[in-house]
Amino acid sequence: MSEADFDWKAWRREARRAQIEARRALAEDDRRDRNHAIDDWLREGFIALGGMSVGFCWPFAAEPEPRFAVRRWRAAGSRAALPVVVAPRTPLEFREWWPGAPMEPGVYDIPHPVGTEVVLPQAALVPVNGFCPEGYRLGYGGGYFDRTLAALETRPVCIGLGYEIARMKTIYPQPHDVPFDFFVTEAGIAARINGRLEAVDPAGADARVRAIQAERGIRN
């Protein structure tokens, strides 16, 4: 099959389905252990996010659990925000969240804040169904995060969260896909350096976050 004949959308649909099924098939104890490890990496490797506005996603379909990390960053002065789909094929709107914030179900019945302040995230924790060595994410196919990142004047520090089973040889990235700065799994932290993911230790990850902050003009 030639490159022109390759149906990357159909391939992604099947890959997405298979990846979600594999994640959901993980035993509850196994998934909990993986979540604890991911939380440890976030705590040790992303201290610099304290004081930044942090966008994150309410866990869905057995995705990694980011809320413990978010609460630590809030304790360090961060504002947390959840995404809201305001209209089809438009950028997401992030609204401030705190424990006890008013919420209602949205797309896929995922809860989001109601009536809270709109926040521009300086860092974003985004779940992945898959990711590849070039730092691209396989999401849910709606393109919302790519549109959002493209629309923001200052690009946030983008951190993909997934389990090691989400690691793929390729997702067949397209021109509209936006690479992420980091991916965190139970096995560790990978940073996108010179167009490829490289394993970094927590100190290296935190130093790279600070370098990205300086490069993009992100101020706590």
N, C-alpha and C. Protein backbone atom coordinates (compact mmCIF):
# COMPACT_ATOMS: atom_id res chain seq x y z
N MET A 1 0.85 -1.20 0.00
CA MET A 1 0.00 0.00 0.00
C MET A 1 0.88 1.24 0.00
N SER A 2 0.58 2.17 -0.87
CA SER A 2 1.35 3.41 -0.93
C SER A 2 0.98 4.32 0.23
N GLU A 3 1.87 5.28 0.51
CA GLU A 3 1.59 6.24 1.59
C GLU A 3 0.30 7.00 1.32
N ALA A 4 0.03 7.31 0.04
CA ALA A 4 -1.17 8.07 -0.31
C ALA A 4 -2.43 7.26 -0.06
N ASP A 5 -2.33 5.92 -0.12
CA ASP A 5 -3.50 5.06 0.06
C ASP A 5 -3.72 4.67 1.53
N PHE A 6 -2.74 4.97 2.37
CA PHE A 6 -2.84 4.54 3.77
C PHE A 6 -3.91 5.33 4.50
N ASP A 7 -4.84 4.64 5.12
CA ASP A 7 -5.93 5.28 5.86
C ASP A 7 -5.51 5.42 7.32
N TRP A 8 -4.82 6.51 7.63
CA TRP A 8 -4.31 6.68 9.00
C TRP A 8 -5.44 6.87 10.01
N LYS A 9 -6.56 7.44 9.57
CA LYS A 9 -7.68 7.61 10.50
C LYS A 9 -8.24 6.26 10.93
N ALA A 10 -8.42 5.34 9.97
CA ALA A 10 -8.91 4.00 10.30
C ALA A 10 -7.90 3.27 11.18
N TRP A 11 -6.60 3.43 10.86
CA TRP A 11 -5.58 2.79 11.68
C TRP A 11 -5.64 3.29 13.11
N ARG A 12 -5.78 4.60 13.27
CA ARG A 12 -5.84 5.17 14.62
C ARG A 12 -7.09 4.70 15.38
N ARG A 13 -8.21 4.61 14.69
CA ARG A 13 -9.42 4.13 15.37
C ARG A 13 -9.20 2.75 15.95
N GLU A 14 -8.60 1.86 15.17
CA GLU A 14 -8.37 0.50 15.65
C GLU A 14 -7.31 0.48 16.75
N ALA A 15 -6.24 1.25 16.57
CA ALA A 15 -5.19 1.32 17.59
C ALA A 15 -5.74 1.87 18.90
N ARG A 16 -6.56 2.90 18.79
CA ARG A 16 -7.18 3.51 19.97
C ARG A 16 -8.04 2.48 20.72
N ARG A 17 -8.87 1.78 19.96
CA ARG A 17 -9.75 0.78 20.57
C ARG A 17 -8.92 -0.28 21.30
N ALA A 18 -7.87 -0.78 20.64
CA ALA A 18 -7.04 -1.83 21.23
C ALA A 18 -6.32 -1.33 22.48
N GLN A 19 -5.82 -0.10 22.44
CA GLN A 19 -5.09 0.45 23.58
C GLN A 19 -6.01 0.66 24.78
N ILE A 20 -7.22 1.16 24.54
CA ILE A 20 -8.16 1.37 25.63
C ILE A 20 -8.57 0.03 26.25
N GLU A 21 -8.80 -0.96 25.42
CA GLU A 21 -9.16 -2.29 25.93
C GLU A 21 -8.03 -2.86 26.77
N ALA A 22 -6.80 -2.71 26.32
CA ALA A 22 -5.66 -3.23 27.07
C ALA A 22 -5.54 -2.53 28.42
N ARG A 23 -5.77 -1.23 28.44
CA ARG A 23 -5.69 -0.48 29.71
C ARG A 23 -6.79 -0.91 30.67
N ARG A 24 -7.99 -1.05 30.14
CA ARG A 24 -9.11 -1.46 30.99
C ARG A 24 -8.96 -2.89 31.51
N ALA A 25 -8.20 -3.70 30.78
CA ALA A 25 -8.03 -5.10 31.17
C ALA A 25 -7.02 -5.27 32.30
N LEU A 26 -6.28 -4.22 32.63
CA LEU A 26 -5.33 -4.32 33.74
C LEU A 26 -6.07 -4.59 35.04
N ALA A 27 -5.51 -5.48 35.85
CA ALA A 27 -6.11 -5.76 37.15
C ALA A 27 -6.09 -4.49 38.01
N GLU A 28 -7.10 -4.37 38.86
CA GLU A 28 -7.22 -3.14 39.67
C GLU A 28 -5.98 -2.91 40.53
N ASP A 29 -5.45 -3.97 41.14
CA ASP A 29 -4.26 -3.82 41.97
C ASP A 29 -3.06 -3.39 41.13
N ASP A 30 -2.94 -3.97 39.94
CA ASP A 30 -1.84 -3.61 39.04
C ASP A 30 -1.94 -2.14 38.65
N ARG A 31 -3.14 -1.71 38.28
CA ARG A 31 -3.33 -0.31 37.87
C ARG A 31 -3.04 0.63 39.04
N ARG A 32 -3.45 0.25 40.24
CA ARG A 32 -3.18 1.09 41.41
C ARG A 32 -1.67 1.24 41.63
N ASP A 33 -0.92 0.14 41.49
CA ASP A 33 0.53 0.20 41.66
C ASP A 33 1.16 1.10 40.60
N ARG A 34 0.67 0.99 39.36
CA ARG A 34 1.19 1.84 38.29
C ARG A 34 0.90 3.31 38.57
N ASN A 35 -0.30 3.57 39.08
CA ASN A 35 -0.67 4.96 39.41
C ASN A 35 0.23 5.52 40.51
N HIS A 36 0.52 4.70 41.51
CA HIS A 36 1.40 5.16 42.58
C HIS A 36 2.78 5.53 42.03
N ALA A 37 3.29 4.70 41.11
CA ALA A 37 4.60 4.97 40.53
C ALA A 37 4.57 6.26 39.71
N ILE A 38 3.52 6.45 38.91
CA ILE A 38 3.39 7.68 38.12
C ILE A 38 3.33 8.89 39.04
N ASP A 39 2.58 8.77 40.13
CA ASP A 39 2.48 9.88 41.07
C ASP A 39 3.83 10.20 41.69
N ASP A 40 4.62 9.18 41.97
CA ASP A 40 5.96 9.41 42.52
C ASP A 40 6.83 10.18 41.52
N TRP A 41 6.77 9.80 40.25
CA TRP A 41 7.56 10.51 39.24
C TRP A 41 7.11 11.96 39.11
N LEU A 42 5.81 12.18 39.17
CA LEU A 42 5.31 13.56 39.08
C LEU A 42 5.75 14.38 40.29
N ARG A 43 5.72 13.78 41.46
CA ARG A 43 6.13 14.50 42.67
C ARG A 43 7.61 14.85 42.63
N GLU A 44 8.44 13.93 42.17
CA GLU A 44 9.88 14.14 42.22
C GLU A 44 10.42 14.93 41.03
N GLY A 45 9.74 14.81 39.88
CA GLY A 45 10.29 15.37 38.66
C GLY A 45 9.69 16.69 38.20
N PHE A 46 8.61 17.14 38.85
CA PHE A 46 7.93 18.33 38.35
C PHE A 46 7.62 19.31 39.48
N ILE A 47 8.60 19.50 40.36
CA ILE A 47 8.47 20.45 41.45
C ILE A 47 8.22 21.85 40.89
N ALA A 48 8.80 22.14 39.72
CA ALA A 48 8.69 23.47 39.13
C ALA A 48 7.26 23.85 38.77
N LEU A 49 6.35 22.90 38.72
CA LEU A 49 4.96 23.23 38.40
C LEU A 49 4.24 23.91 39.57
N GLY A 50 4.81 23.83 40.76
CA GLY A 50 4.22 24.52 41.89
C GLY A 50 4.16 26.02 41.65
N GLY A 51 2.97 26.60 41.76
CA GLY A 51 2.78 28.01 41.49
C GLY A 51 2.31 28.31 40.08
N MET A 52 2.39 27.33 39.17
CA MET A 52 1.89 27.51 37.82
C MET A 52 0.41 27.13 37.76
N SER A 53 -0.30 27.65 36.77
CA SER A 53 -1.66 27.18 36.53
C SER A 53 -1.56 25.85 35.77
N VAL A 54 -2.24 24.84 36.31
CA VAL A 54 -2.09 23.47 35.79
C VAL A 54 -3.43 22.96 35.29
N GLY A 55 -3.50 22.67 34.00
CA GLY A 55 -4.67 22.02 33.44
C GLY A 55 -4.50 20.51 33.51
N PHE A 56 -5.58 19.82 33.80
CA PHE A 56 -5.51 18.36 33.86
C PHE A 56 -6.86 17.80 33.44
N CYS A 57 -6.93 16.49 33.30
CA CYS A 57 -8.17 15.84 32.86
C CYS A 57 -8.67 14.90 33.95
N TRP A 58 -9.98 14.97 34.19
CA TRP A 58 -10.60 14.03 35.13
C TRP A 58 -10.41 12.62 34.58
N PRO A 59 -9.91 11.67 35.40
CA PRO A 59 -9.61 10.34 34.86
C PRO A 59 -10.86 9.65 34.30
N PHE A 60 -10.66 8.98 33.15
CA PHE A 60 -11.75 8.38 32.39
C PHE A 60 -11.24 7.08 31.77
N ALA A 61 -12.07 6.06 31.76
CA ALA A 61 -11.74 4.80 31.07
C ALA A 61 -10.40 4.23 31.56
N ALA A 62 -10.24 4.16 32.88
CA ALA A 62 -9.06 3.54 33.51
C ALA A 62 -7.76 4.28 33.20
N GLU A 63 -7.84 5.59 32.97
CA GLU A 63 -6.64 6.40 32.73
C GLU A 63 -5.88 6.61 34.04
N PRO A 64 -4.61 7.03 33.96
CA PRO A 64 -3.86 7.35 35.18
C PRO A 64 -4.54 8.46 35.99
N GLU A 65 -4.30 8.43 37.27
CA GLU A 65 -4.94 9.35 38.24
C GLU A 65 -4.02 10.53 38.53
N PRO A 66 -4.35 11.74 38.06
CA PRO A 66 -3.47 12.90 38.27
C PRO A 66 -3.83 13.75 39.49
N ARG A 67 -4.94 13.46 40.17
CA ARG A 67 -5.46 14.42 41.14
C ARG A 67 -4.59 14.58 42.38
N PHE A 68 -3.88 13.54 42.77
CA PHE A 68 -2.99 13.68 43.94
C PHE A 68 -1.88 14.68 43.63
N ALA A 69 -1.30 14.56 42.44
CA ALA A 69 -0.24 15.51 42.05
C ALA A 69 -0.80 16.92 41.96
N VAL A 70 -1.99 17.05 41.38
CA VAL A 70 -2.59 18.38 41.23
C VAL A 70 -2.82 19.02 42.60
N ARG A 71 -3.27 18.25 43.56
CA ARG A 71 -3.51 18.80 44.89
C ARG A 71 -2.20 19.25 45.55
N ARG A 72 -1.11 18.53 45.30
CA ARG A 72 0.19 18.99 45.84
C ARG A 72 0.60 20.31 45.20
N TRP A 73 0.43 20.42 43.89
CA TRP A 73 0.78 21.69 43.24
C TRP A 73 -0.11 22.82 43.73
N ARG A 74 -1.38 22.53 43.97
CA ARG A 74 -2.26 23.57 44.52
C ARG A 74 -1.77 24.01 45.89
N ALA A 75 -1.30 23.07 46.68
CA ALA A 75 -0.77 23.42 48.00
C ALA A 75 0.48 24.28 47.89
N ALA A 76 1.16 24.19 46.73
CA ALA A 76 2.35 25.01 46.49
C ALA A 76 2.02 26.31 45.76
N GLY A 77 0.72 26.62 45.64
CA GLY A 77 0.32 27.89 45.05
C GLY A 77 -0.24 27.83 43.65
N SER A 78 -0.39 26.63 43.08
CA SER A 78 -0.93 26.51 41.72
C SER A 78 -2.44 26.71 41.70
N ARG A 79 -2.94 27.10 40.54
CA ARG A 79 -4.37 27.03 40.24
C ARG A 79 -4.58 25.83 39.32
N ALA A 80 -5.58 25.02 39.60
CA ALA A 80 -5.87 23.85 38.78
C ALA A 80 -7.09 24.13 37.93
N ALA A 81 -7.14 23.52 36.76
CA ALA A 81 -8.25 23.75 35.84
C ALA A 81 -8.55 22.49 35.05
N LEU A 82 -9.83 22.31 34.74
CA LEU A 82 -10.29 21.18 33.94
C LEU A 82 -10.81 21.68 32.60
N PRO A 83 -10.65 20.87 31.53
CA PRO A 83 -11.10 21.30 30.21
C PRO A 83 -12.60 21.12 30.02
N VAL A 84 -13.17 22.00 29.22
CA VAL A 84 -14.59 21.95 28.89
C VAL A 84 -14.74 22.05 27.37
N VAL A 85 -15.51 21.15 26.79
CA VAL A 85 -15.84 21.25 25.36
C VAL A 85 -16.99 22.25 25.23
N VAL A 86 -16.73 23.41 24.67
CA VAL A 86 -17.76 24.44 24.56
C VAL A 86 -18.51 24.36 23.24
N ALA A 87 -17.87 23.79 22.22
CA ALA A 87 -18.52 23.61 20.91
C ALA A 87 -17.69 22.62 20.11
N PRO A 88 -18.31 21.89 19.18
CA PRO A 88 -17.55 20.94 18.37
C PRO A 88 -16.46 21.65 17.56
N ARG A 89 -15.32 20.99 17.43
CA ARG A 89 -14.22 21.45 16.58
C ARG A 89 -13.71 22.84 16.96
N THR A 90 -13.74 23.15 18.24
CA THR A 90 -13.20 24.41 18.73
C THR A 90 -12.23 24.11 19.87
N PRO A 91 -11.34 25.07 20.21
CA PRO A 91 -10.44 24.84 21.34
C PRO A 91 -11.20 24.63 22.64
N LEU A 92 -10.58 23.89 23.53
CA LEU A 92 -11.15 23.67 24.85
C LEU A 92 -11.06 24.94 25.68
N GLU A 93 -11.96 25.05 26.64
CA GLU A 93 -11.90 26.11 27.64
C GLU A 93 -11.55 25.46 28.97
N PHE A 94 -10.57 26.02 29.66
CA PHE A 94 -10.18 25.48 30.97
C PHE A 94 -10.81 26.34 32.06
N ARG A 95 -11.49 25.67 32.99
CA ARG A 95 -12.12 26.36 34.11
C ARG A 95 -11.51 25.89 35.43
N GLU A 96 -11.37 26.84 36.34
CA GLU A 96 -10.70 26.53 37.60
C GLU A 96 -11.44 25.43 38.37
N TRP A 97 -10.64 24.56 38.96
CA TRP A 97 -11.17 23.45 39.78
C TRP A 97 -10.48 23.45 41.13
N TRP A 98 -11.24 23.08 42.14
CA TRP A 98 -10.71 22.80 43.47
C TRP A 98 -11.61 21.73 44.07
N PRO A 99 -11.16 21.00 45.06
CA PRO A 99 -12.03 20.00 45.67
C PRO A 99 -13.31 20.65 46.19
N GLY A 100 -14.45 20.17 45.71
CA GLY A 100 -15.73 20.75 46.10
C GLY A 100 -16.25 21.79 45.12
N ALA A 101 -15.50 22.07 44.04
CA ALA A 101 -15.98 23.02 43.04
C ALA A 101 -17.26 22.50 42.39
N PRO A 102 -18.19 23.39 42.01
CA PRO A 102 -19.42 22.93 41.36
C PRO A 102 -19.11 22.26 40.03
N MET A 103 -19.69 21.07 39.80
CA MET A 103 -19.38 20.28 38.62
C MET A 103 -20.66 19.77 37.98
N GLU A 104 -20.56 19.47 36.67
CA GLU A 104 -21.65 18.80 35.97
C GLU A 104 -21.04 17.90 34.90
N PRO A 105 -21.76 16.86 34.47
CA PRO A 105 -21.21 15.97 33.44
C PRO A 105 -21.20 16.64 32.07
N GLY A 106 -20.15 16.35 31.30
CA GLY A 106 -20.04 16.88 29.95
C GLY A 106 -19.91 15.76 28.94
N VAL A 107 -19.04 15.92 27.95
CA VAL A 107 -18.83 14.91 26.93
C VAL A 107 -18.36 13.60 27.59
N TYR A 108 -18.92 12.48 27.15
CA TYR A 108 -18.64 11.16 27.73
C TYR A 108 -19.01 11.09 29.21
N ASP A 109 -19.85 12.04 29.68
CA ASP A 109 -20.23 12.13 31.10
C ASP A 109 -19.05 12.44 32.01
N ILE A 110 -17.99 13.00 31.46
CA ILE A 110 -16.84 13.40 32.27
C ILE A 110 -17.19 14.73 32.95
N PRO A 111 -17.03 14.83 34.28
CA PRO A 111 -17.42 16.07 34.96
C PRO A 111 -16.47 17.23 34.66
N HIS A 112 -17.04 18.43 34.64
CA HIS A 112 -16.24 19.63 34.49
C HIS A 112 -16.85 20.74 35.34
N PRO A 113 -16.05 21.76 35.69
CA PRO A 113 -16.55 22.83 36.56
C PRO A 113 -17.64 23.65 35.87
N VAL A 114 -18.52 24.20 36.71
CA VAL A 114 -19.61 25.06 36.23
C VAL A 114 -19.48 26.42 36.89
N GLY A 115 -19.37 27.47 36.08
CA GLY A 115 -19.39 28.83 36.61
C GLY A 115 -18.12 29.28 37.28
N THR A 116 -17.04 28.51 37.18
CA THR A 116 -15.78 28.95 37.78
C THR A 116 -14.98 29.75 36.75
N GLU A 117 -13.92 30.38 37.21
CA GLU A 117 -13.16 31.29 36.34
C GLU A 117 -12.40 30.53 35.25
N VAL A 118 -12.35 31.12 34.07
CA VAL A 118 -11.56 30.56 32.98
C VAL A 118 -10.08 30.81 33.26
N VAL A 119 -9.28 29.76 33.08
CA VAL A 119 -7.85 29.81 33.39
C VAL A 119 -7.06 29.41 32.16
N LEU A 120 -5.98 30.13 31.88
CA LEU A 120 -5.06 29.74 30.81
C LEU A 120 -3.98 28.85 31.43
N PRO A 121 -3.95 27.58 31.08
CA PRO A 121 -2.97 26.69 31.72
C PRO A 121 -1.54 26.99 31.28
N GLN A 122 -0.64 27.01 32.24
CA GLN A 122 0.79 27.14 31.95
C GLN A 122 1.46 25.77 31.85
N ALA A 123 0.78 24.77 32.37
CA ALA A 123 1.20 23.37 32.22
C ALA A 123 -0.05 22.54 32.03
N ALA A 124 0.05 21.46 31.28
CA ALA A 124 -1.11 20.61 31.02
C ALA A 124 -0.73 19.15 31.16
N LEU A 125 -1.49 18.42 31.99
CA LEU A 125 -1.35 16.98 32.13
C LEU A 125 -2.46 16.33 31.31
N VAL A 126 -2.08 15.57 30.31
CA VAL A 126 -3.05 15.06 29.35
C VAL A 126 -2.92 13.54 29.24
N PRO A 127 -4.00 12.79 29.40
CA PRO A 127 -3.93 11.34 29.27
C PRO A 127 -3.64 10.92 27.83
N VAL A 128 -2.99 9.78 27.67
CA VAL A 128 -2.68 9.27 26.34
C VAL A 128 -3.23 7.85 26.21
N ASN A 129 -3.73 7.53 25.03
CA ASN A 129 -4.03 6.14 24.69
C ASN A 129 -2.80 5.47 24.10
N GLY A 130 -1.92 6.25 23.53
CA GLY A 130 -0.67 5.76 23.00
C GLY A 130 0.28 6.93 22.79
N PHE A 131 1.56 6.62 22.66
CA PHE A 131 2.55 7.65 22.34
C PHE A 131 3.73 6.99 21.64
N CYS A 132 4.45 7.80 20.86
CA CYS A 132 5.51 7.24 20.02
C CYS A 132 6.85 7.88 20.34
N PRO A 133 7.95 7.33 19.82
CA PRO A 133 9.29 7.84 20.16
C PRO A 133 9.53 9.29 19.77
N GLU A 134 8.74 9.82 18.84
CA GLU A 134 8.90 11.21 18.45
C GLU A 134 8.13 12.17 19.35
N GLY A 135 7.39 11.63 20.32
CA GLY A 135 6.71 12.49 21.29
C GLY A 135 5.30 12.88 20.91
N TYR A 136 4.67 12.13 20.02
CA TYR A 136 3.29 12.43 19.65
C TYR A 136 2.33 11.52 20.41
N ARG A 137 1.14 12.05 20.67
CA ARG A 137 0.14 11.38 21.49
C ARG A 137 -1.03 10.86 20.64
N LEU A 138 -1.47 9.65 20.95
CA LEU A 138 -2.71 9.12 20.40
C LEU A 138 -3.82 9.41 21.39
N GLY A 139 -4.74 10.31 21.02
CA GLY A 139 -5.83 10.68 21.92
C GLY A 139 -7.11 9.96 21.58
N TYR A 140 -8.21 10.70 21.64
CA TYR A 140 -9.53 10.10 21.40
C TYR A 140 -10.10 10.45 20.03
N GLY A 141 -9.34 11.18 19.22
CA GLY A 141 -9.74 11.41 17.85
C GLY A 141 -10.50 12.69 17.58
N GLY A 142 -10.80 13.45 18.63
CA GLY A 142 -11.56 14.68 18.42
C GLY A 142 -10.70 15.87 18.02
N GLY A 143 -9.39 15.79 18.26
CA GLY A 143 -8.50 16.88 17.91
C GLY A 143 -8.57 18.09 18.82
N TYR A 144 -9.24 17.95 19.98
CA TYR A 144 -9.47 19.12 20.83
C TYR A 144 -8.17 19.67 21.41
N PHE A 145 -7.29 18.80 21.87
CA PHE A 145 -6.07 19.29 22.49
C PHE A 145 -5.14 19.93 21.46
N ASP A 146 -5.07 19.34 20.27
CA ASP A 146 -4.24 19.95 19.24
C ASP A 146 -4.75 21.35 18.89
N ARG A 147 -6.06 21.50 18.75
CA ARG A 147 -6.63 22.83 18.46
C ARG A 147 -6.36 23.80 19.60
N THR A 148 -6.48 23.31 20.82
CA THR A 148 -6.27 24.17 21.98
C THR A 148 -4.83 24.66 22.05
N LEU A 149 -3.88 23.73 21.88
CA LEU A 149 -2.47 24.11 21.94
C LEU A 149 -2.12 25.09 20.82
N ALA A 150 -2.70 24.86 19.64
CA ALA A 150 -2.43 25.76 18.51
C ALA A 150 -3.00 27.15 18.75
N ALA A 151 -4.10 27.23 19.52
CA ALA A 151 -4.76 28.52 19.72
C ALA A 151 -4.14 29.34 20.84
N LEU A 152 -3.43 28.70 21.76
CA LEU A 152 -2.86 29.42 22.90
C LEU A 152 -1.67 30.28 22.46
N GLU A 153 -1.63 31.50 22.93
CA GLU A 153 -0.53 32.40 22.59
C GLU A 153 0.79 31.89 23.14
N THR A 154 0.75 31.37 24.38
CA THR A 154 1.93 30.77 25.00
C THR A 154 1.65 29.30 25.22
N ARG A 155 2.45 28.46 24.63
CA ARG A 155 2.22 27.03 24.75
C ARG A 155 2.59 26.56 26.14
N PRO A 156 1.72 25.81 26.81
CA PRO A 156 2.04 25.31 28.14
C PRO A 156 3.06 24.17 28.08
N VAL A 157 3.62 23.86 29.24
CA VAL A 157 4.43 22.65 29.37
C VAL A 157 3.47 21.46 29.26
N CYS A 158 3.67 20.62 28.25
CA CYS A 158 2.71 19.54 27.96
C CYS A 158 3.27 18.20 28.44
N ILE A 159 2.53 17.55 29.32
CA ILE A 159 2.97 16.30 29.94
C ILE A 159 1.92 15.23 29.66
N GLY A 160 2.28 14.21 28.90
CA GLY A 160 1.38 13.10 28.64
C GLY A 160 1.48 12.06 29.74
N LEU A 161 0.34 11.55 30.17
CA LEU A 161 0.30 10.52 31.22
C LEU A 161 -0.27 9.23 30.65
N GLY A 162 0.45 8.14 30.84
CA GLY A 162 -0.03 6.85 30.36
C GLY A 162 0.73 5.73 31.05
N TYR A 163 0.29 4.52 30.77
CA TYR A 163 1.00 3.34 31.26
C TYR A 163 1.98 2.88 30.18
N GLU A 164 2.93 2.06 30.56
CA GLU A 164 3.93 1.58 29.60
C GLU A 164 3.29 0.85 28.43
N ILE A 165 2.15 0.24 28.63
CA ILE A 165 1.49 -0.46 27.52
C ILE A 165 1.05 0.51 26.43
N ALA A 166 1.06 1.81 26.71
CA ALA A 166 0.69 2.81 25.70
C ALA A 166 1.84 3.16 24.77
N ARG A 167 3.03 2.67 25.06
CA ARG A 167 4.19 3.00 24.23
C ARG A 167 4.07 2.25 22.89
N MET A 168 4.15 3.00 21.78
CA MET A 168 3.96 2.42 20.45
C MET A 168 5.13 2.78 19.54
N LYS A 169 5.32 1.99 18.47
CA LYS A 169 6.39 2.29 17.52
C LYS A 169 6.11 3.59 16.77
N THR A 170 4.85 3.84 16.46
CA THR A 170 4.45 5.08 15.81
C THR A 170 2.95 5.26 15.99
N ILE A 171 2.50 6.51 15.88
CA ILE A 171 1.06 6.77 15.78
C ILE A 171 0.74 7.36 14.41
N TYR A 172 1.73 7.31 13.51
CA TYR A 172 1.61 7.93 12.19
C TYR A 172 1.21 9.40 12.34
N PRO A 173 2.12 10.21 12.93
CA PRO A 173 1.80 11.63 13.16
C PRO A 173 1.48 12.37 11.86
N GLN A 174 0.54 13.30 11.98
CA GLN A 174 0.08 14.10 10.86
C GLN A 174 0.48 15.56 11.10
N PRO A 175 0.41 16.41 10.06
CA PRO A 175 0.85 17.80 10.22
C PRO A 175 0.16 18.56 11.33
N HIS A 176 -1.10 18.19 11.66
CA HIS A 176 -1.82 18.93 12.70
C HIS A 176 -1.45 18.46 14.10
N ASP A 177 -0.77 17.32 14.24
CA ASP A 177 -0.44 16.80 15.56
C ASP A 177 0.64 17.65 16.22
N VAL A 178 0.50 17.86 17.51
CA VAL A 178 1.43 18.68 18.28
C VAL A 178 2.22 17.77 19.24
N PRO A 179 3.54 17.76 19.16
CA PRO A 179 4.31 16.91 20.07
C PRO A 179 4.27 17.43 21.50
N PHE A 180 4.42 16.52 22.45
CA PHE A 180 4.43 16.86 23.86
C PHE A 180 5.86 17.01 24.37
N ASP A 181 6.01 17.73 25.47
CA ASP A 181 7.32 17.95 26.06
C ASP A 181 7.80 16.76 26.88
N PHE A 182 6.86 16.09 27.54
CA PHE A 182 7.20 14.97 28.43
C PHE A 182 6.12 13.89 28.32
N PHE A 183 6.52 12.68 28.64
CA PHE A 183 5.57 11.60 28.91
C PHE A 183 6.01 10.93 30.19
N VAL A 184 5.03 10.61 31.04
CA VAL A 184 5.31 9.97 32.31
C VAL A 184 4.51 8.67 32.38
N THR A 185 5.21 7.57 32.64
CA THR A 185 4.58 6.28 32.85
C THR A 185 5.08 5.73 34.18
N GLU A 186 4.61 4.54 34.54
CA GLU A 186 5.08 3.92 35.77
C GLU A 186 6.58 3.63 35.71
N ALA A 187 7.15 3.56 34.50
CA ALA A 187 8.57 3.23 34.35
C ALA A 187 9.48 4.43 34.47
N GLY A 188 8.92 5.65 34.34
CA GLY A 188 9.78 6.81 34.45
C GLY A 188 9.31 7.99 33.61
N ILE A 189 10.22 8.94 33.42
CA ILE A 189 9.94 10.19 32.71
C ILE A 189 10.73 10.21 31.41
N ALA A 190 10.07 10.57 30.33
CA ALA A 190 10.74 10.77 29.05
C ALA A 190 10.52 12.22 28.62
N ALA A 191 11.58 12.87 28.19
CA ALA A 191 11.51 14.25 27.70
C ALA A 191 11.78 14.25 26.21
N ARG A 192 11.09 15.14 25.49
CA ARG A 192 11.33 15.27 24.05
C ARG A 192 12.52 16.20 23.85
N ILE A 193 13.59 15.64 23.34
CA ILE A 193 14.84 16.38 23.13
C ILE A 193 15.28 16.15 21.70
N ASN A 194 15.41 17.24 20.95
CA ASN A 194 15.81 17.16 19.54
C ASN A 194 14.91 16.21 18.75
N GLY A 195 13.61 16.30 19.04
CA GLY A 195 12.64 15.55 18.25
C GLY A 195 12.46 14.10 18.63
N ARG A 196 13.11 13.64 19.71
CA ARG A 196 12.98 12.25 20.14
C ARG A 196 12.81 12.21 21.66
N LEU A 197 12.11 11.18 22.14
CA LEU A 197 11.97 11.00 23.58
C LEU A 197 13.23 10.39 24.15
N GLU A 198 13.68 10.95 25.27
CA GLU A 198 14.84 10.43 25.99
C GLU A 198 14.48 10.30 27.46
N ALA A 199 14.87 9.19 28.07
CA ALA A 199 14.63 9.00 29.50
C ALA A 199 15.45 10.03 30.28
N VAL A 200 14.80 10.65 31.28
CA VAL A 200 15.49 11.60 32.15
C VAL A 200 15.15 11.27 33.59
N ASP A 201 16.07 11.60 34.50
CA ASP A 201 15.78 11.39 35.91
C ASP A 201 14.97 12.58 36.43
N PRO A 202 14.44 12.49 37.66
CA PRO A 202 13.60 13.58 38.17
C PRO A 202 14.29 14.94 38.17
N ALA A 203 15.55 14.98 38.55
CA ALA A 203 16.26 16.27 38.56
C ALA A 203 16.38 16.82 37.14
N GLY A 204 16.65 15.95 36.18
CA GLY A 204 16.74 16.39 34.80
C GLY A 204 15.41 16.88 34.26
N ALA A 205 14.32 16.20 34.66
CA ALA A 205 12.99 16.62 34.22
C ALA A 205 12.65 17.99 34.78
N ASP A 206 12.92 18.20 36.07
CA ASP A 206 12.58 19.48 36.68
C ASP A 206 13.41 20.61 36.07
N ALA A 207 14.69 20.34 35.79
CA ALA A 207 15.53 21.35 35.16
C ALA A 207 15.02 21.68 33.76
N ARG A 208 14.52 20.66 33.06
CA ARG A 208 14.02 20.91 31.71
C ARG A 208 12.72 21.71 31.76
N VAL A 209 11.86 21.44 32.75
CA VAL A 209 10.65 22.25 32.90
C VAL A 209 11.03 23.72 33.07
N ARG A 210 12.00 23.98 33.91
CA ARG A 210 12.41 25.37 34.16
C ARG A 210 13.01 26.00 32.90
N ALA A 211 13.73 25.22 32.11
CA ALA A 211 14.27 25.73 30.86
C ALA A 211 13.14 26.06 29.87
N ILE A 212 12.12 25.22 29.82
CA ILE A 212 10.98 25.47 28.95
C ILE A 212 10.23 26.72 29.41
N GLN A 213 10.07 26.86 30.72
CA GLN A 213 9.44 28.07 31.26
C GLN A 213 10.17 29.32 30.77
N ALA A 214 11.49 29.30 30.88
CA ALA A 214 12.28 30.47 30.47
C ALA A 214 12.18 30.69 28.96
N GLU A 215 12.24 29.62 28.20
CA GLU A 215 12.20 29.74 26.74
C GLU A 215 10.87 30.30 26.24
N ARG A 216 9.77 29.89 26.90
CA ARG A 216 8.43 30.31 26.44
C ARG A 216 7.90 31.52 27.19
N GLY A 217 8.65 32.01 28.14
CA GLY A 217 8.21 33.18 28.88
C GLY A 217 7.08 32.89 29.84
N ILE A 218 7.08 31.68 30.41
CA ILE A 218 6.04 31.28 31.38
C ILE A 218 6.48 31.76 32.77
N ARG A 219 5.63 32.57 33.38
CA ARG A 219 5.98 33.11 34.71
C ARG A 219 4.99 32.58 35.74
N ASN A 220 5.55 32.08 36.85
CA ASN A 220 4.71 31.57 37.94
C ASN A 220 3.90 32.70 38.57
